[in-house]
């Protein structure tokens, strides 16, 4: 078994699988099983997110650009272009524009609007 350093706890932990697995849930939503971040949730057809194993809703914003785009693409394939979560920005850990780190989608929109006014 391989181990890696966990910066949060300062200890060595078994190396996590970095894959994100997708499946169709029994209710028709998109099941996302993220082994790296220990997150499991279902994106529902009605644009809500159902968390599995007590994970809070704000914990879905954990991804880098590549993973965020993959999740958004899966949502689009399953629910069509009109679904709220086909916008990959909902899943970003932080989005860098100019010197600021954007923490959530609302801040990203505000920053974009400020840049357009200049």
N, C-alpha and C. Protein backbone atom coordinates (compact mmCIF):
# COMPACT_ATOMS: atom_id res chain seq x y z
N UNK A 1 0.85 -1.18 0.00
CA UNK A 1 0.00 0.00 0.00
C UNK A 1 0.89 1.24 0.00
N UNK A 2 0.54 2.24 -0.81
CA UNK A 2 1.30 3.48 -0.88
C UNK A 2 0.70 4.50 0.07
N UNK A 3 1.56 5.37 0.60
CA UNK A 3 1.12 6.40 1.53
C UNK A 3 1.47 7.78 1.00
N UNK A 4 0.73 8.79 1.48
CA UNK A 4 1.01 10.18 1.12
C UNK A 4 0.82 11.06 2.35
N UNK A 5 1.49 12.21 2.35
CA UNK A 5 1.40 13.14 3.47
C UNK A 5 0.11 13.95 3.38
N UNK A 6 -0.64 13.97 4.49
CA UNK A 6 -1.87 14.76 4.56
C UNK A 6 -1.55 16.07 5.28
N UNK A 7 -1.62 17.19 4.54
CA UNK A 7 -1.24 18.49 5.10
C UNK A 7 -2.19 18.96 6.20
N UNK A 8 -3.44 18.54 6.14
CA UNK A 8 -4.41 18.96 7.16
C UNK A 8 -4.11 18.34 8.52
N UNK A 9 -3.77 17.05 8.52
CA UNK A 9 -3.54 16.37 9.80
C UNK A 9 -2.05 16.26 10.16
N UNK A 10 -1.18 16.44 9.17
CA UNK A 10 0.26 16.33 9.42
C UNK A 10 0.73 14.89 9.57
N UNK A 11 -0.03 13.93 9.05
CA UNK A 11 0.32 12.52 9.17
C UNK A 11 0.35 11.87 7.79
N UNK A 12 0.89 10.68 7.77
CA UNK A 12 0.89 9.89 6.54
C UNK A 12 -0.38 9.06 6.50
N UNK A 13 -1.08 9.11 5.37
CA UNK A 13 -2.32 8.36 5.19
C UNK A 13 -2.21 7.52 3.93
N UNK A 14 -3.01 6.44 3.84
CA UNK A 14 -2.99 5.66 2.59
C UNK A 14 -3.32 6.55 1.40
N UNK A 15 -2.60 6.36 0.31
CA UNK A 15 -2.79 7.18 -0.88
C UNK A 15 -4.20 6.99 -1.43
N UNK A 16 -4.84 8.10 -1.75
CA UNK A 16 -6.22 8.05 -2.23
C UNK A 16 -6.27 7.84 -3.74
N UNK A 17 -7.31 7.17 -4.15
CA UNK A 17 -7.60 7.02 -5.57
C UNK A 17 -8.03 8.38 -6.09
N UNK A 18 -7.39 8.88 -7.13
CA UNK A 18 -7.67 10.23 -7.62
C UNK A 18 -8.81 10.27 -8.64
N UNK A 19 -9.47 9.16 -8.85
CA UNK A 19 -10.53 9.10 -9.85
C UNK A 19 -11.85 9.63 -9.30
N UNK A 20 -12.67 10.13 -10.20
CA UNK A 20 -14.05 10.47 -9.90
C UNK A 20 -14.90 9.49 -10.70
N UNK A 21 -15.77 8.78 -10.01
CA UNK A 21 -16.61 7.80 -10.68
C UNK A 21 -18.02 8.34 -10.82
N UNK A 22 -18.64 8.06 -11.94
CA UNK A 22 -19.98 8.54 -12.24
C UNK A 22 -20.91 7.35 -12.44
N UNK A 23 -22.14 7.51 -11.99
CA UNK A 23 -23.16 6.48 -12.23
C UNK A 23 -24.52 7.16 -12.21
N UNK A 24 -25.50 6.47 -12.72
CA UNK A 24 -26.86 6.99 -12.67
C UNK A 24 -27.48 6.52 -11.36
N UNK A 25 -28.05 7.45 -10.61
CA UNK A 25 -28.65 7.08 -9.34
C UNK A 25 -30.01 6.44 -9.57
N UNK A 26 -30.55 5.80 -8.54
CA UNK A 26 -31.85 5.14 -8.66
C UNK A 26 -32.96 6.14 -8.95
N UNK A 27 -32.79 7.38 -8.46
CA UNK A 27 -33.79 8.40 -8.70
C UNK A 27 -33.62 9.12 -10.03
N UNK A 28 -32.62 8.73 -10.81
CA UNK A 28 -32.41 9.32 -12.12
C UNK A 28 -31.39 10.44 -12.13
N UNK A 29 -30.78 10.74 -10.99
CA UNK A 29 -29.75 11.78 -10.93
C UNK A 29 -28.38 11.23 -11.29
N UNK A 30 -27.40 12.12 -11.30
CA UNK A 30 -26.02 11.74 -11.60
C UNK A 30 -25.27 11.54 -10.28
N UNK A 31 -24.86 10.32 -10.01
CA UNK A 31 -24.11 9.99 -8.80
C UNK A 31 -22.63 10.26 -9.04
N UNK A 32 -22.04 11.07 -8.18
CA UNK A 32 -20.62 11.40 -8.28
C UNK A 32 -19.91 10.85 -7.05
N UNK A 33 -18.99 9.95 -7.27
CA UNK A 33 -18.22 9.34 -6.18
C UNK A 33 -16.77 9.76 -6.37
N UNK A 34 -16.36 10.76 -5.61
CA UNK A 34 -15.03 11.34 -5.71
C UNK A 34 -14.14 10.73 -4.63
N UNK A 35 -13.29 9.80 -5.04
CA UNK A 35 -12.45 9.08 -4.08
C UNK A 35 -11.37 9.99 -3.49
N UNK A 36 -10.82 10.90 -4.28
CA UNK A 36 -9.73 11.76 -3.81
C UNK A 36 -10.16 12.65 -2.66
N UNK A 37 -11.34 13.25 -2.78
CA UNK A 37 -11.81 14.20 -1.77
C UNK A 37 -12.81 13.61 -0.79
N UNK A 38 -13.03 12.29 -0.88
CA UNK A 38 -13.99 11.60 -0.01
C UNK A 38 -15.36 12.28 -0.04
N UNK A 39 -15.83 12.59 -1.23
CA UNK A 39 -17.11 13.26 -1.42
C UNK A 39 -18.00 12.36 -2.28
N UNK A 40 -19.25 12.23 -1.87
CA UNK A 40 -20.23 11.48 -2.64
C UNK A 40 -21.52 12.26 -2.65
N UNK A 41 -22.04 12.54 -3.82
CA UNK A 41 -23.30 13.27 -3.90
C UNK A 41 -24.00 12.96 -5.21
N UNK A 42 -25.27 13.35 -5.25
CA UNK A 42 -26.09 13.14 -6.44
C UNK A 42 -26.57 14.49 -6.93
N UNK A 43 -26.34 14.78 -8.21
CA UNK A 43 -26.92 15.96 -8.83
C UNK A 43 -28.26 15.53 -9.39
N UNK A 44 -29.32 16.15 -8.90
CA UNK A 44 -30.68 15.74 -9.27
C UNK A 44 -31.14 16.46 -10.53
N UNK A 45 -32.18 15.92 -11.15
CA UNK A 45 -32.78 16.54 -12.33
C UNK A 45 -33.31 17.93 -12.04
N UNK A 46 -33.82 18.13 -10.80
CA UNK A 46 -34.40 19.42 -10.43
C UNK A 46 -33.35 20.45 -9.99
N UNK A 47 -32.08 20.18 -10.28
CA UNK A 47 -30.95 21.07 -10.02
C UNK A 47 -30.59 21.19 -8.54
N UNK A 48 -31.03 20.25 -7.73
CA UNK A 48 -30.59 20.21 -6.34
C UNK A 48 -29.46 19.20 -6.22
N UNK A 49 -28.73 19.29 -5.12
CA UNK A 49 -27.65 18.34 -4.86
C UNK A 49 -27.98 17.59 -3.58
N UNK A 50 -28.04 16.27 -3.68
CA UNK A 50 -28.29 15.43 -2.52
C UNK A 50 -26.97 14.84 -2.08
N UNK A 51 -26.61 15.09 -0.85
CA UNK A 51 -25.34 14.60 -0.34
C UNK A 51 -25.50 13.21 0.27
N UNK A 52 -24.48 12.41 0.10
CA UNK A 52 -24.48 11.05 0.65
C UNK A 52 -23.45 11.01 1.78
N UNK A 53 -23.80 10.37 2.85
CA UNK A 53 -22.94 10.23 4.03
C UNK A 53 -22.71 11.57 4.72
N UNK A 54 -23.70 12.43 4.76
CA UNK A 54 -23.66 13.63 5.58
C UNK A 54 -22.70 14.72 5.14
N UNK A 55 -22.29 14.74 3.88
CA UNK A 55 -21.41 15.80 3.39
C UNK A 55 -22.24 17.06 3.15
N UNK A 56 -21.74 18.22 3.56
CA UNK A 56 -22.47 19.47 3.35
C UNK A 56 -22.43 19.88 1.88
N UNK A 57 -23.41 20.69 1.47
CA UNK A 57 -23.52 21.12 0.08
C UNK A 57 -22.35 21.94 -0.40
N UNK A 58 -21.72 22.74 0.48
CA UNK A 58 -20.61 23.57 0.04
C UNK A 58 -19.35 22.76 -0.23
N UNK A 59 -19.35 21.49 0.12
CA UNK A 59 -18.19 20.64 -0.10
C UNK A 59 -18.07 20.19 -1.54
N UNK A 60 -19.04 20.52 -2.41
CA UNK A 60 -18.91 20.11 -3.80
C UNK A 60 -17.95 21.01 -4.56
N UNK A 61 -17.61 22.18 -4.03
CA UNK A 61 -16.69 23.09 -4.71
C UNK A 61 -15.25 22.74 -4.36
N UNK A 62 -14.81 21.60 -4.83
CA UNK A 62 -13.50 21.08 -4.44
C UNK A 62 -12.56 20.83 -5.60
N UNK A 63 -12.92 21.23 -6.81
CA UNK A 63 -12.25 20.69 -7.98
C UNK A 63 -11.35 21.68 -8.70
N UNK A 64 -10.34 21.13 -9.39
CA UNK A 64 -9.54 21.94 -10.28
C UNK A 64 -10.30 22.08 -11.61
N UNK A 65 -9.72 22.82 -12.53
CA UNK A 65 -10.40 23.12 -13.78
C UNK A 65 -10.78 21.85 -14.55
N UNK A 66 -9.87 20.91 -14.63
CA UNK A 66 -10.11 19.68 -15.39
C UNK A 66 -11.28 18.89 -14.82
N UNK A 67 -11.27 18.65 -13.51
CA UNK A 67 -12.35 17.88 -12.88
C UNK A 67 -13.67 18.61 -12.98
N UNK A 68 -13.64 19.94 -12.80
CA UNK A 68 -14.88 20.73 -12.88
C UNK A 68 -15.51 20.59 -14.27
N UNK A 69 -14.68 20.64 -15.30
CA UNK A 69 -15.20 20.51 -16.66
C UNK A 69 -15.74 19.10 -16.93
N UNK A 70 -15.09 18.09 -16.39
CA UNK A 70 -15.56 16.71 -16.59
C UNK A 70 -16.93 16.53 -15.94
N UNK A 71 -17.11 17.04 -14.72
CA UNK A 71 -18.40 16.91 -14.04
C UNK A 71 -19.48 17.66 -14.82
N UNK A 72 -19.18 18.88 -15.23
CA UNK A 72 -20.16 19.68 -15.98
C UNK A 72 -20.54 19.00 -17.29
N UNK A 73 -19.56 18.36 -17.94
CA UNK A 73 -19.84 17.65 -19.19
C UNK A 73 -20.76 16.46 -18.96
N UNK A 74 -20.54 15.73 -17.86
CA UNK A 74 -21.40 14.60 -17.54
C UNK A 74 -22.83 15.07 -17.26
N UNK A 75 -22.96 16.19 -16.54
CA UNK A 75 -24.28 16.75 -16.27
C UNK A 75 -24.98 17.10 -17.58
N UNK A 76 -24.24 17.72 -18.51
CA UNK A 76 -24.82 18.11 -19.79
C UNK A 76 -25.29 16.88 -20.58
N UNK A 77 -24.48 15.84 -20.60
CA UNK A 77 -24.86 14.63 -21.32
C UNK A 77 -26.12 13.99 -20.75
N UNK A 78 -26.25 14.07 -19.44
CA UNK A 78 -27.36 13.40 -18.78
C UNK A 78 -28.64 14.23 -18.77
N UNK A 79 -28.52 15.54 -18.57
CA UNK A 79 -29.70 16.39 -18.38
C UNK A 79 -29.91 17.43 -19.47
N UNK A 80 -28.96 17.59 -20.37
CA UNK A 80 -29.09 18.60 -21.42
C UNK A 80 -28.44 19.92 -21.04
N UNK A 81 -28.31 20.80 -22.01
CA UNK A 81 -27.58 22.07 -21.84
C UNK A 81 -28.25 23.05 -20.89
N UNK A 82 -29.54 22.91 -20.66
CA UNK A 82 -30.27 23.88 -19.84
C UNK A 82 -30.08 23.69 -18.34
N UNK A 83 -29.51 22.56 -17.93
CA UNK A 83 -29.36 22.28 -16.50
C UNK A 83 -28.37 23.26 -15.86
N UNK A 84 -28.66 23.68 -14.65
CA UNK A 84 -27.85 24.66 -13.92
C UNK A 84 -26.38 24.25 -13.82
N UNK A 85 -26.12 22.98 -13.55
CA UNK A 85 -24.75 22.55 -13.27
C UNK A 85 -23.95 22.17 -14.51
N UNK A 86 -24.41 22.57 -15.70
CA UNK A 86 -23.56 22.40 -16.88
C UNK A 86 -22.51 23.50 -16.92
N UNK A 87 -22.62 24.49 -16.04
CA UNK A 87 -21.59 25.52 -15.92
C UNK A 87 -20.53 25.03 -14.94
N UNK A 88 -19.33 24.78 -15.45
CA UNK A 88 -18.28 24.17 -14.63
C UNK A 88 -17.83 25.04 -13.47
N UNK A 89 -18.14 26.34 -13.50
CA UNK A 89 -17.70 27.22 -12.41
C UNK A 89 -18.29 26.83 -11.06
N UNK A 90 -19.42 26.15 -11.06
CA UNK A 90 -20.02 25.72 -9.80
C UNK A 90 -19.14 24.74 -9.05
N UNK A 91 -18.22 24.09 -9.74
CA UNK A 91 -17.42 23.03 -9.11
C UNK A 91 -15.96 23.42 -8.88
N UNK A 92 -15.60 24.66 -9.17
CA UNK A 92 -14.19 25.06 -9.03
C UNK A 92 -13.81 25.28 -7.57
N UNK A 93 -12.57 24.93 -7.24
CA UNK A 93 -12.02 25.18 -5.92
C UNK A 93 -11.75 26.66 -5.75
N UNK A 94 -11.30 27.31 -6.78
CA UNK A 94 -11.01 28.73 -6.78
C UNK A 94 -10.64 29.09 -8.20
N UNK A 95 -11.10 30.19 -8.69
CA UNK A 95 -10.85 30.55 -10.08
C UNK A 95 -10.03 31.82 -10.11
N UNK A 96 -8.89 31.79 -10.77
CA UNK A 96 -7.98 32.93 -10.76
C UNK A 96 -8.27 33.85 -11.94
N UNK A 97 -8.60 35.10 -11.62
CA UNK A 97 -8.72 36.14 -12.65
C UNK A 97 -7.94 37.33 -12.13
N UNK A 98 -7.09 37.88 -12.94
CA UNK A 98 -6.15 38.95 -12.55
C UNK A 98 -5.43 38.53 -11.28
N UNK A 99 -5.50 39.31 -10.22
CA UNK A 99 -4.76 38.99 -9.00
C UNK A 99 -5.62 38.32 -7.94
N UNK A 100 -6.91 38.19 -8.19
CA UNK A 100 -7.83 37.70 -7.16
C UNK A 100 -8.15 36.22 -7.35
N UNK A 101 -8.35 35.53 -6.23
CA UNK A 101 -8.84 34.17 -6.28
C UNK A 101 -10.34 34.23 -6.04
N UNK A 102 -11.09 33.74 -6.98
CA UNK A 102 -12.54 33.76 -6.87
C UNK A 102 -12.98 32.54 -6.07
N UNK A 103 -13.70 32.75 -4.98
CA UNK A 103 -14.03 31.65 -4.10
C UNK A 103 -15.32 30.93 -4.47
N UNK A 104 -16.23 31.63 -5.13
CA UNK A 104 -17.46 30.97 -5.52
C UNK A 104 -17.98 31.59 -6.81
N UNK A 105 -19.05 31.04 -7.33
CA UNK A 105 -19.54 31.45 -8.64
C UNK A 105 -20.01 32.90 -8.62
N UNK A 106 -20.69 33.34 -7.55
CA UNK A 106 -21.17 34.72 -7.47
C UNK A 106 -20.02 35.72 -7.54
N UNK A 107 -18.92 35.42 -6.84
CA UNK A 107 -17.75 36.30 -6.89
C UNK A 107 -17.14 36.31 -8.28
N UNK A 108 -17.18 35.17 -8.97
CA UNK A 108 -16.66 35.09 -10.34
C UNK A 108 -17.45 36.03 -11.25
N UNK A 109 -18.77 36.01 -11.12
CA UNK A 109 -19.62 36.88 -11.95
C UNK A 109 -19.34 38.35 -11.62
N UNK A 110 -19.25 38.69 -10.35
CA UNK A 110 -18.97 40.07 -9.95
C UNK A 110 -17.64 40.55 -10.51
N UNK A 111 -16.61 39.70 -10.43
CA UNK A 111 -15.28 40.05 -10.94
C UNK A 111 -15.32 40.24 -12.45
N UNK A 112 -16.06 39.37 -13.14
CA UNK A 112 -16.17 39.47 -14.59
C UNK A 112 -16.84 40.78 -14.99
N UNK A 113 -17.88 41.17 -14.27
CA UNK A 113 -18.59 42.41 -14.57
C UNK A 113 -17.71 43.63 -14.33
N UNK A 114 -16.88 43.59 -13.29
CA UNK A 114 -15.96 44.70 -13.02
C UNK A 114 -14.94 44.84 -14.14
N UNK A 115 -14.42 43.72 -14.64
CA UNK A 115 -13.43 43.75 -15.71
C UNK A 115 -14.01 44.30 -17.01
N UNK A 116 -15.29 44.04 -17.26
CA UNK A 116 -15.93 44.53 -18.48
C UNK A 116 -16.13 46.05 -18.44
N UNK A 117 -16.32 46.61 -17.22
CA UNK A 117 -16.56 48.04 -17.09
C UNK A 117 -15.32 48.88 -17.34
N UNK A 118 -14.15 48.29 -17.20
CA UNK A 118 -12.90 49.04 -17.32
C UNK A 118 -12.58 49.39 -18.75
